C-alpha atoms as a PDB file:
ATOM      1  CA  MET A   1     -35.746  -3.770  53.562  1.00  0.00           C
ATOM      2  CA  PRO A   2     -36.524  -0.044  53.092  1.00  0.00           C
ATOM      3  CA  SER A   3     -39.200   1.442  55.327  1.00  0.00           C
ATOM      4  CA  ASN A   4     -41.394   4.476  55.659  1.00  0.00           C
ATOM      5  CA  VAL A   5     -43.915   5.908  58.064  1.00  0.00           C
ATOM      6  CA  GLU A   6     -47.235   6.507  56.427  1.00  0.00           C
ATOM      7  CA  ILE A   7     -50.735   7.731  57.019  1.00  0.00           C
ATOM      8  CA  LYS A   8     -53.841   7.701  54.862  1.00  0.00           C
ATOM      9  CA  ALA A   9     -56.828  10.007  55.270  1.00  0.00           C
ATOM     10  CA  ALA A  10     -60.093  10.859  53.572  1.00  0.00           C
ATOM     11  CA  VAL A  11     -60.148  14.267  51.858  1.00  0.00           C
ATOM     12  CA  HIS A  12     -63.125  16.599  52.191  1.00  0.00           C
ATOM     13  CA  ASP A  13     -61.779  19.688  50.405  1.00  0.00           C
ATOM     14  CA  LEU A  14     -59.650  18.494  47.490  1.00  0.00           C
ATOM     15  CA  GLU A  15     -58.737  21.932  46.128  1.00  0.00           C
ATOM     16  CA  GLN A  16     -57.655  23.249  49.529  1.00  0.00           C
ATOM     17  CA  LEU A  17     -55.435  20.193  50.103  1.00  0.00           C
ATOM     18  CA  ILE A  18     -53.859  20.507  46.655  1.00  0.00           C
ATOM     19  CA  GLN A  19     -53.107  24.198  47.223  1.00  0.00           C
ATOM     20  CA  LYS A  20     -51.442  23.437  50.578  1.00  0.00           C
ATOM     21  CA  ALA A  21     -49.426  20.572  49.032  1.00  0.00           C
ATOM     22  CA  LYS A  22     -48.253  22.839  46.197  1.00  0.00           C
ATOM     23  CA  LEU A  23     -47.211  25.512  48.683  1.00  0.00           C
ATOM     24  CA  LEU A  24     -45.349  23.089  50.986  1.00  0.00           C
ATOM     25  CA  SER A  25     -43.590  21.348  48.085  1.00  0.00           C
ATOM     26  CA  ASN A  26     -42.951  24.557  46.171  1.00  0.00           C
ATOM     27  CA  SER A  27     -44.051  22.717  43.026  1.00  0.00           C
ATOM     28  CA  GLU A  28     -46.991  21.935  40.800  1.00  0.00           C
ATOM     29  CA  GLY A  29     -46.508  18.247  41.566  1.00  0.00           C
ATOM     30  CA  THR A  30     -46.610  15.306  39.187  1.00  0.00           C
ATOM     31  CA  THR A  31     -49.716  13.489  37.955  1.00  0.00           C
ATOM     32  CA  ILE A  32     -49.469   9.701  37.738  1.00  0.00           C
ATOM     33  CA  LEU A  33     -52.116   7.271  36.489  1.00  0.00           C
ATOM     34  CA  GLN A  34     -51.888   3.934  38.285  1.00  0.00           C
ATOM     35  CA  GLN A  35     -53.613   0.599  38.259  1.00  0.00           C
ATOM     36  CA  ASP A  36     -52.682  -1.632  41.203  1.00  0.00           C
ATOM     37  CA  THR A  37     -53.506  -5.340  41.020  1.00  0.00           C
ATOM     38  CA  PHE A  38     -53.408  -7.060  44.411  1.00  0.00           C
ATOM     39  CA  PHE A  39     -52.555 -10.754  44.594  1.00  0.00           C
ATOM     40  CA  SER A  40     -53.515 -13.370  47.159  1.00  0.00           C
ATOM     41  CA  VAL A  41     -50.495 -14.003  49.390  1.00  0.00           C
ATOM     42  CA  PRO A  42     -50.196 -15.616  52.843  1.00  0.00           C
ATOM     43  CA  ASN A  43     -48.661 -12.572  54.558  1.00  0.00           C
ATOM     44  CA  GLY A  44     -48.276  -8.883  53.838  1.00  0.00           C
ATOM     45  CA  ARG A  45     -49.536  -7.425  50.567  1.00  0.00           C
ATOM     46  CA  LEU A  46     -48.269  -7.985  47.041  1.00  0.00           C
ATOM     47  CA  LYS A  47     -49.333  -5.632  44.268  1.00  0.00           C
ATOM     48  CA  LEU A  48     -48.322  -4.959  40.715  1.00  0.00           C
ATOM     49  CA  ARG A  49     -48.478  -1.257  39.946  1.00  0.00           C
ATOM     50  CA  ASN A  50     -49.054  -0.596  36.253  1.00  0.00           C
ATOM     51  CA  LEU A  51     -47.953   2.981  35.551  1.00  0.00           C
ATOM     52  CA  MET A  52     -49.927   2.973  32.291  1.00  0.00           C
ATOM     53  CA  ASN A  53     -46.827   3.864  30.261  1.00  0.00           C
ATOM     54  CA  GLY A  54     -45.388   0.403  29.567  1.00  0.00           C
ATOM     55  CA  THR A  55     -43.647   0.174  32.938  1.00  0.00           C
ATOM     56  CA  GLY A  56     -44.621  -1.058  36.346  1.00  0.00           C
ATOM     57  CA  GLN A  57     -43.478  -1.977  39.817  1.00  0.00           C
ATOM     58  CA  LEU A  58     -43.980  -5.186  41.763  1.00  0.00           C
ATOM     59  CA  ILE A  59     -44.341  -4.105  45.389  1.00  0.00           C
ATOM     60  CA  PHE A  60     -44.447  -6.259  48.512  1.00  0.00           C
ATOM     61  CA  TYR A  61     -45.182  -4.514  51.793  1.00  0.00           C
ATOM     62  CA  GLU A  62     -46.064  -5.199  55.382  1.00  0.00           C
ATOM     63  CA  ARG A  63     -47.678  -2.706  57.729  1.00  0.00           C
ATOM     64  CA  PRO A  64     -50.171  -2.846  60.583  1.00  0.00           C
ATOM     65  CA  ASP A  65     -53.801  -1.958  59.873  1.00  0.00           C
ATOM     66  CA  VAL A  66     -54.173   0.922  62.325  1.00  0.00           C
ATOM     67  CA  ASP A  67     -55.024   4.587  61.842  1.00  0.00           C
ATOM     68  CA  GLY A  68     -52.392   7.253  62.280  1.00  0.00           C
ATOM     69  CA  PRO A  69     -48.698   7.010  61.427  1.00  0.00           C
ATOM     70  CA  LYS A  70     -47.488   3.430  60.990  1.00  0.00           C
ATOM     71  CA  LEU A  71     -44.262   1.772  59.913  1.00  0.00           C
ATOM     72  CA  SER A  72     -44.333   0.072  56.507  1.00  0.00           C
ATOM     73  CA  ASN A  73     -41.539  -2.204  55.260  1.00  0.00           C
ATOM     74  CA  TYR A  74     -41.421  -2.755  51.512  1.00  0.00           C
ATOM     75  CA  SER A  75     -39.540  -4.192  48.546  1.00  0.00           C
ATOM     76  CA  ILE A  76     -39.897  -2.959  44.959  1.00  0.00           C
ATOM     77  CA  SER A  77     -38.870  -4.478  41.635  1.00  0.00           C
ATOM     78  CA  VAL A  78     -39.266  -2.536  38.384  1.00  0.00           C
ATOM     79  CA  THR A  79     -40.687  -4.203  35.265  1.00  0.00           C
ATOM     80  CA  ASN A  80     -40.975  -3.239  31.604  1.00  0.00           C
ATOM     81  CA  ASP A  81     -43.683  -5.881  31.086  1.00  0.00           C
ATOM     82  CA  PRO A  82     -46.437  -5.214  33.639  1.00  0.00           C
ATOM     83  CA  ASP A  83     -49.090  -6.979  31.536  1.00  0.00           C
ATOM     84  CA  GLY A  84     -47.028 -10.157  31.154  1.00  0.00           C
ATOM     85  CA  LEU A  85     -46.091 -10.162  34.832  1.00  0.00           C
ATOM     86  CA  LYS A  86     -49.730  -9.637  35.817  1.00  0.00           C
ATOM     87  CA  LYS A  87     -50.723 -12.707  33.799  1.00  0.00           C
ATOM     88  CA  VAL A  88     -48.066 -14.908  35.440  1.00  0.00           C
ATOM     89  CA  LEU A  89     -48.836 -13.706  38.980  1.00  0.00           C
ATOM     90  CA  SER A  90     -52.597 -13.976  38.422  1.00  0.00           C
ATOM     91  CA  ASP A  91     -52.225 -17.578  37.256  1.00  0.00           C
ATOM     92  CA  ALA A  92     -49.896 -18.464  40.138  1.00  0.00           C
ATOM     93  CA  LEU A  93     -51.470 -16.606  43.065  1.00  0.00           C
ATOM     94  CA  GLY A  94     -54.957 -15.413  42.176  1.00  0.00           C
ATOM     95  CA  VAL A  95     -56.142 -11.808  42.189  1.00  0.00           C
ATOM     96  CA  LYS A  96     -57.771 -10.132  45.208  1.00  0.00           C
ATOM     97  CA  GLY A  97     -58.774  -7.074  43.214  1.00  0.00           C
ATOM     98  CA  THR A  98     -57.705  -3.968  41.348  1.00  0.00           C
ATOM     99  CA  VAL A  99     -57.405  -0.323  42.385  1.00  0.00           C
ATOM    100  CA  LYS A 100     -57.440   2.405  39.727  1.00  0.00           C
ATOM    101  CA  LYS A 101     -56.350   5.886  40.716  1.00  0.00           C
ATOM    102  CA  GLU A 102     -55.095   9.233  39.581  1.00  0.00           C
ATOM    103  CA  ARG A 103     -52.308  10.339  41.886  1.00  0.00           C
ATOM    104  CA  HIS A 104     -50.836  13.798  42.334  1.00  0.00           C
ATOM    105  CA  LEU A 105     -47.393  13.534  43.910  1.00  0.00           C
ATOM    106  CA  TYR A 106     -45.732  16.360  45.846  1.00  0.00           C
ATOM    107  CA  MET A 107     -42.333  16.010  47.542  1.00  0.00           C
ATOM    108  CA  VAL A 108     -41.971  17.804  50.877  1.00  0.00           C
ATOM    109  CA  GLY A 109     -38.480  17.100  52.203  1.00  0.00           C
ATOM    110  CA  GLN A 110     -38.214  13.327  52.601  1.00  0.00           C
ATOM    111  CA  THR A 111     -42.005  12.894  52.427  1.00  0.00           C
ATOM    112  CA  ARG A 112     -44.087  11.851  49.461  1.00  0.00           C
ATOM    113  CA  VAL A 113     -47.465  13.599  49.653  1.00  0.00           C
ATOM    114  CA  HIS A 114     -50.004  11.746  47.508  1.00  0.00           C
ATOM    115  CA  VAL A 115     -53.367  13.268  46.649  1.00  0.00           C
ATOM    116  CA  ASP A 116     -55.378  10.408  45.164  1.00  0.00           C
ATOM    117  CA  THR A 117     -58.673  10.098  43.358  1.00  0.00           C
ATOM    118  CA  VAL A 118     -59.580   6.424  43.617  1.00  0.00           C
ATOM    119  CA  GLU A 119     -62.160   4.969  41.241  1.00  0.00           C
ATOM    120  CA  GLY A 120     -65.177   3.818  43.234  1.00  0.00           C
ATOM    121  CA  LEU A 121     -64.010   5.413  46.518  1.00  0.00           C
ATOM    122  CA  GLY A 122     -63.328   9.138  46.172  1.00  0.00           C
ATOM    123  CA  HIS A 123     -60.510  11.436  47.302  1.00  0.00           C
ATOM    124  CA  PHE A 124     -57.713  10.543  49.725  1.00  0.00           C
ATOM    125  CA  MET A 125     -54.342  11.757  50.893  1.00  0.00           C
ATOM    126  CA  GLU A 126     -51.319   9.664  51.817  1.00  0.00           C
ATOM    127  CA  LEU A 127     -48.101  10.723  53.471  1.00  0.00           C
ATOM    128  CA  GLU A 128     -45.064   8.485  53.074  1.00  0.00           C
ATOM    129  CA  VAL A 129     -42.123   9.638  55.175  1.00  0.00           C
ATOM    130  CA  VAL A 130     -39.228   7.671  53.649  1.00  0.00           C
ATOM    131  CA  LEU A 131     -36.883   6.895  56.519  1.00  0.00           C
ATOM    132  CA  ASN A 132     -33.194   7.597  56.032  1.00  0.00           C
ATOM    133  CA  ASP A 133     -30.576   5.101  57.249  1.00  0.00           C
ATOM    134  CA  GLY A 134     -30.420   5.324  61.024  1.00  0.00           C
ATOM    135  CA  GLN A 135     -33.604   7.370  61.302  1.00  0.00           C
ATOM    136  CA  THR A 136     -36.085   6.046  63.866  1.00  0.00           C
ATOM    137  CA  GLU A 137     -39.754   5.297  63.425  1.00  0.00           C
ATOM    138  CA  GLU A 138     -40.476   7.967  66.059  1.00  0.00           C
ATOM    139  CA  GLU A 139     -38.650  10.607  63.998  1.00  0.00           C
ATOM    140  CA  GLY A 140     -40.733   9.607  60.961  1.00  0.00           C
ATOM    141  CA  GLU A 141     -43.935   9.811  63.013  1.00  0.00           C
ATOM    142  CA  ALA A 142     -43.008  13.321  64.191  1.00  0.00           C
ATOM    143  CA  ILE A 143     -42.530  14.423  60.565  1.00  0.00           C
ATOM    144  CA  ALA A 144     -45.872  12.845  59.604  1.00  0.00           C
ATOM    145  CA  HIS A 145     -47.719  14.577  62.465  1.00  0.00           C
ATOM    146  CA  LYS A 146     -46.187  17.946  61.550  1.00  0.00           C
ATOM    147  CA  LEU A 147     -47.252  17.571  57.912  1.00  0.00           C
ATOM    148  CA  MET A 148     -50.726  16.409  58.935  1.00  0.00           C
ATOM    149  CA  ASN A 149     -51.134  19.670  60.839  1.00  0.00           C
ATOM    150  CA  GLU A 150     -49.740  21.784  57.999  1.00  0.00           C
ATOM    151  CA  LEU A 151     -52.070  20.093  55.485  1.00  0.00           C
ATOM    152  CA  GLY A 152     -55.101  20.355  57.767  1.00  0.00           C
ATOM    153  CA  VAL A 153     -55.593  16.588  58.129  1.00  0.00           C
ATOM    154  CA  ARG A 154     -57.780  15.788  61.137  1.00  0.00           C
ATOM    155  CA  LYS A 155     -57.412  12.653  63.247  1.00  0.00           C
ATOM    156  CA  GLU A 156     -61.032  11.688  62.514  1.00  0.00           C
ATOM    157  CA  ASP A 157     -60.214  11.618  58.769  1.00  0.00           C
ATOM    158  CA  LEU A 158     -57.499   8.945  59.173  1.00  0.00           C
ATOM    159  CA  ILE A 159     -58.296   5.566  57.685  1.00  0.00           C
ATOM    160  CA  VAL A 160     -57.023   2.051  58.227  1.00  0.00           C
ATOM    161  CA  GLY A 161     -55.803  -0.371  55.564  1.00  0.00           C
ATOM    162  CA  ALA A 162     -55.260  -0.115  51.838  1.00  0.00           C
ATOM    163  CA  TYR A 163     -57.597   1.170  49.130  1.00  0.00           C
ATOM    164  CA  MET A 164     -58.067  -2.480  48.171  1.00  0.00           C
ATOM    165  CA  ASP A 165     -59.445  -3.192  51.662  1.00  0.00           C
ATOM    166  CA  LEU A 166     -61.920  -0.311  51.356  1.00  0.00           C
ATOM    167  CA  LEU A 167     -63.093  -1.507  47.934  1.00  0.00           C
ATOM    168  CA  LEU A 168     -63.543  -5.074  49.180  1.00  0.00           C
ATOM    169  CA  ALA A 169     -65.449  -3.833  52.248  1.00  0.00           C
ATOM    170  CA  ASP A 170     -67.797  -1.842  49.970  1.00  0.00           C
ATOM    171  CA  LYS A 171     -68.665  -5.047  48.075  1.00  0.00           C
ATOM    172  CA  LYS A 172     -69.833  -6.838  51.232  1.00  0.00           C
END
């Protein structure tokens, strides 16, 4: 199963973060509209990512709910029928909720830098250090910490869990 080391943090100065991400990636980045539907499963998380262009990805992942860099193991399957798959999975498993976001993606080496605007939550940043074969979790964490510093992410801005968790907590 592929793995990455990731962090998620709240963003206070969106424009400053975007400018730093553009500089580090030496690119304008890519804008992606996404709608993630989370399903009720006994372990890990299962979501269907609708890329709003007729394609999607079914993603299963497991990761601890702690702040700071954490290892995430995942599996992805591509679909050309996200609406049909959503219907089948909704009927079979039940839906926990939906996350709608606009994502700006910047590649910095082996790291995906996501700058997200999440409907109902605000602005966030995610780092996903995709581990190469034979690369250790500690090496991924070192890369994540270095990028956190370069992007100006403070430890107190780190958050735990998925956007879905934050949305569900807001409803309580």
